[in-house]
Amino acid sequence: MNNEPKKIALCEIKDSVDANLTGAAAIIDCVRVISEKSGELVCRADSLSLALHHALKMIDKSKADVASIEA
């Protein structure tokens, strides 16, 4: 029974990491598509920069979650 809270915490961290990395990958993929279609689509560079910044924050959150397991 002592391991039960730890198992739940690890599952929550895994879910958080999965969600953040999946979200970051989706953002990066969208930016890639927009960049490839730049002649066909109008998108401000600062919007793309903001999207990539958000993706990096999601990746950093995942790295922090993983580091909390190792601590």
N, C-alpha and C. Protein backbone atom coordinates (compact mmCIF):
# COMPACT_ATOMS: atom_id res chain seq x y z
N MET A 1 0.81 -1.19 0.00
CA MET A 1 0.00 0.00 0.00
C MET A 1 0.85 1.26 0.00
N ASN A 2 2.06 1.21 0.51
CA ASN A 2 2.91 2.39 0.55
C ASN A 2 3.29 2.86 -0.84
N ASN A 3 3.32 1.96 -1.80
CA ASN A 3 3.71 2.32 -3.17
C ASN A 3 2.56 2.91 -3.98
N GLU A 4 1.33 2.79 -3.48
CA GLU A 4 0.17 3.25 -4.25
C GLU A 4 0.22 4.75 -4.57
N PRO A 5 0.49 5.65 -3.63
CA PRO A 5 0.56 7.07 -3.99
C PRO A 5 1.67 7.36 -5.00
N LYS A 6 2.78 6.63 -4.89
CA LYS A 6 3.88 6.82 -5.82
C LYS A 6 3.48 6.38 -7.23
N LYS A 7 2.74 5.27 -7.34
CA LYS A 7 2.27 4.80 -8.64
C LYS A 7 1.33 5.83 -9.27
N ILE A 8 0.44 6.39 -8.46
CA ILE A 8 -0.49 7.39 -8.98
C ILE A 8 0.28 8.62 -9.45
N ALA A 9 1.25 9.05 -8.65
CA ALA A 9 2.04 10.23 -9.02
C ALA A 9 2.80 9.97 -10.32
N LEU A 10 3.38 8.80 -10.48
CA LEU A 10 4.10 8.47 -11.71
C LEU A 10 3.17 8.43 -12.91
N CYS A 11 1.97 7.91 -12.72
CA CYS A 11 0.99 7.89 -13.81
C CYS A 11 0.59 9.30 -14.20
N GLU A 12 0.39 10.17 -13.21
CA GLU A 12 0.03 11.56 -13.50
C GLU A 12 1.16 12.27 -14.24
N ILE A 13 2.39 12.03 -13.82
CA ILE A 13 3.54 12.65 -14.49
C ILE A 13 3.66 12.12 -15.91
N LYS A 14 3.48 10.81 -16.09
CA LYS A 14 3.55 10.23 -17.44
C LYS A 14 2.48 10.84 -18.34
N ASP A 15 1.27 10.97 -17.81
CA ASP A 15 0.19 11.57 -18.59
C ASP A 15 0.50 13.02 -18.96
N SER A 16 1.06 13.75 -18.01
CA SER A 16 1.42 15.15 -18.26
C SER A 16 2.50 15.26 -19.32
N VAL A 17 3.52 14.41 -19.21
CA VAL A 17 4.61 14.41 -20.19
C VAL A 17 4.07 14.05 -21.57
N ASP A 18 3.26 13.01 -21.64
CA ASP A 18 2.66 12.60 -22.92
C ASP A 18 1.85 13.74 -23.54
N ALA A 19 1.03 14.38 -22.74
CA ALA A 19 0.19 15.47 -23.25
C ALA A 19 1.03 16.64 -23.73
N ASN A 20 2.04 17.01 -22.94
CA ASN A 20 2.88 18.14 -23.32
C ASN A 20 3.69 17.86 -24.58
N LEU A 21 4.27 16.68 -24.68
CA LEU A 21 5.07 16.36 -25.86
C LEU A 21 4.20 16.20 -27.10
N THR A 22 3.02 15.63 -26.94
CA THR A 22 2.10 15.50 -28.06
C THR A 22 1.65 16.88 -28.54
N GLY A 23 1.33 17.75 -27.59
CA GLY A 23 0.93 19.11 -27.93
C GLY A 23 2.05 19.88 -28.61
N ALA A 24 3.26 19.76 -28.08
CA ALA A 24 4.41 20.44 -28.68
C ALA A 24 4.66 19.94 -30.09
N ALA A 25 4.56 18.64 -30.29
CA ALA A 25 4.76 18.06 -31.63
C ALA A 25 3.71 18.57 -32.60
N ALA A 26 2.47 18.69 -32.14
CA ALA A 26 1.40 19.18 -33.00
C ALA A 26 1.64 20.64 -33.39
N ILE A 27 2.07 21.45 -32.44
CA ILE A 27 2.37 22.86 -32.73
C ILE A 27 3.50 22.96 -33.74
N ILE A 28 4.56 22.21 -33.51
CA ILE A 28 5.71 22.25 -34.40
C ILE A 28 5.32 21.79 -35.80
N ASP A 29 4.49 20.75 -35.87
CA ASP A 29 4.04 20.26 -37.17
C ASP A 29 3.20 21.31 -37.90
N CYS A 30 2.34 21.99 -37.18
CA CYS A 30 1.53 23.06 -37.79
C CYS A 30 2.41 24.19 -38.31
N VAL A 31 3.40 24.58 -37.52
CA VAL A 31 4.32 25.65 -37.95
C VAL A 31 5.08 25.20 -39.19
N ARG A 32 5.48 23.93 -39.23
CA ARG A 32 6.18 23.40 -40.40
C ARG A 32 5.31 23.50 -41.64
N VAL A 33 4.07 23.08 -41.53
CA VAL A 33 3.15 23.12 -42.67
C VAL A 33 2.92 24.57 -43.12
N ILE A 34 2.70 25.46 -42.17
CA ILE A 34 2.49 26.87 -42.51
C ILE A 34 3.73 27.43 -43.19
N SER A 35 4.90 27.08 -42.69
CA SER A 35 6.14 27.57 -43.28
C SER A 35 6.33 27.05 -44.70
N GLU A 36 5.98 25.79 -44.93
CA GLU A 36 6.10 25.22 -46.27
C GLU A 36 5.11 25.85 -47.25
N LYS A 37 3.97 26.29 -46.75
CA LYS A 37 2.93 26.87 -47.59
C LYS A 37 2.94 28.39 -47.51
N SER A 38 4.08 28.97 -47.15
CA SER A 38 4.14 30.40 -46.87
C SER A 38 3.68 31.25 -48.05
N GLY A 39 3.84 30.76 -49.27
CA GLY A 39 3.37 31.52 -50.42
C GLY A 39 1.85 31.52 -50.54
N GLU A 40 1.22 30.50 -49.96
CA GLU A 40 -0.22 30.36 -50.08
C GLU A 40 -0.97 30.90 -48.87
N LEU A 41 -0.30 30.96 -47.74
CA LEU A 41 -0.96 31.39 -46.50
C LEU A 41 -0.32 32.68 -45.98
N VAL A 42 -1.12 33.47 -45.36
CA VAL A 42 -0.61 34.70 -44.74
C VAL A 42 -0.60 34.48 -43.24
N CYS A 43 0.57 34.55 -42.66
CA CYS A 43 0.70 34.36 -41.22
C CYS A 43 1.84 35.24 -40.73
N ARG A 44 1.59 35.95 -39.68
CA ARG A 44 2.61 36.84 -39.14
C ARG A 44 3.73 36.04 -38.49
N ALA A 45 4.95 36.49 -38.70
CA ALA A 45 6.11 35.79 -38.14
C ALA A 45 6.05 35.75 -36.62
N ASP A 46 5.53 36.81 -36.00
CA ASP A 46 5.46 36.80 -34.54
C ASP A 46 4.46 35.77 -34.03
N SER A 47 3.44 35.44 -34.83
CA SER A 47 2.51 34.38 -34.44
C SER A 47 3.19 33.03 -34.46
N LEU A 48 4.00 32.80 -35.49
CA LEU A 48 4.76 31.54 -35.55
C LEU A 48 5.75 31.46 -34.42
N SER A 49 6.40 32.57 -34.14
CA SER A 49 7.38 32.61 -33.05
C SER A 49 6.70 32.31 -31.71
N LEU A 50 5.53 32.89 -31.50
CA LEU A 50 4.78 32.66 -30.27
C LEU A 50 4.37 31.19 -30.16
N ALA A 51 3.95 30.59 -31.25
CA ALA A 51 3.56 29.18 -31.25
C ALA A 51 4.76 28.30 -30.90
N LEU A 52 5.91 28.58 -31.50
CA LEU A 52 7.10 27.80 -31.20
C LEU A 52 7.55 28.01 -29.76
N HIS A 53 7.42 29.23 -29.26
CA HIS A 53 7.77 29.50 -27.86
C HIS A 53 6.87 28.68 -26.93
N HIS A 54 5.59 28.59 -27.24
CA HIS A 54 4.67 27.79 -26.44
C HIS A 54 5.06 26.31 -26.48
N ALA A 55 5.45 25.83 -27.65
CA ALA A 55 5.88 24.43 -27.78
C ALA A 55 7.12 24.18 -26.91
N LEU A 56 8.05 25.12 -26.92
CA LEU A 56 9.25 24.97 -26.09
C LEU A 56 8.90 24.96 -24.61
N LYS A 57 7.94 25.77 -24.20
CA LYS A 57 7.51 25.77 -22.80
C LYS A 57 6.92 24.42 -22.42
N MET A 58 6.18 23.81 -23.36
CA MET A 58 5.59 22.50 -23.11
C MET A 58 6.69 21.43 -22.96
N ILE A 59 7.71 21.54 -23.79
CA ILE A 59 8.84 20.61 -23.70
C ILE A 59 9.58 20.81 -22.39
N ASP A 60 9.80 22.06 -22.00
CA ASP A 60 10.47 22.34 -20.72
C ASP A 60 9.68 21.80 -19.55
N LYS A 61 8.34 21.89 -19.62
CA LYS A 61 7.49 21.35 -18.55
C LYS A 61 7.67 19.84 -18.47
N SER A 62 7.78 19.19 -19.61
CA SER A 62 7.99 17.74 -19.62
C SER A 62 9.34 17.39 -19.02
N LYS A 63 10.36 18.18 -19.36
CA LYS A 63 11.69 17.93 -18.79
C LYS A 63 11.66 18.10 -17.27
N ALA A 64 10.94 19.09 -16.78
CA ALA A 64 10.83 19.31 -15.34
C ALA A 64 10.09 18.16 -14.67
N ASP A 65 9.03 17.66 -15.34
CA ASP A 65 8.29 16.53 -14.80
C ASP A 65 9.18 15.30 -14.67
N VAL A 66 9.97 15.04 -15.70
CA VAL A 66 10.87 13.88 -15.68
C VAL A 66 11.94 14.08 -14.60
N ALA A 67 12.44 15.29 -14.47
CA ALA A 67 13.46 15.56 -13.45
C ALA A 67 12.90 15.34 -12.04
N SER A 68 11.61 15.61 -11.86
CA SER A 68 11.01 15.43 -10.54
C SER A 68 10.96 13.94 -10.16
N ILE A 69 10.90 13.08 -11.15
CA ILE A 69 10.91 11.63 -10.88
C ILE A 69 12.30 11.22 -10.40
N GLU A 70 13.32 11.79 -11.02
CA GLU A 70 14.69 11.43 -10.71
C GLU A 70 15.12 11.99 -9.36
N ALA A 71 14.46 13.03 -8.88
CA ALA A 71 14.85 13.68 -7.62
C ALA A 71 14.49 12.82 -6.42
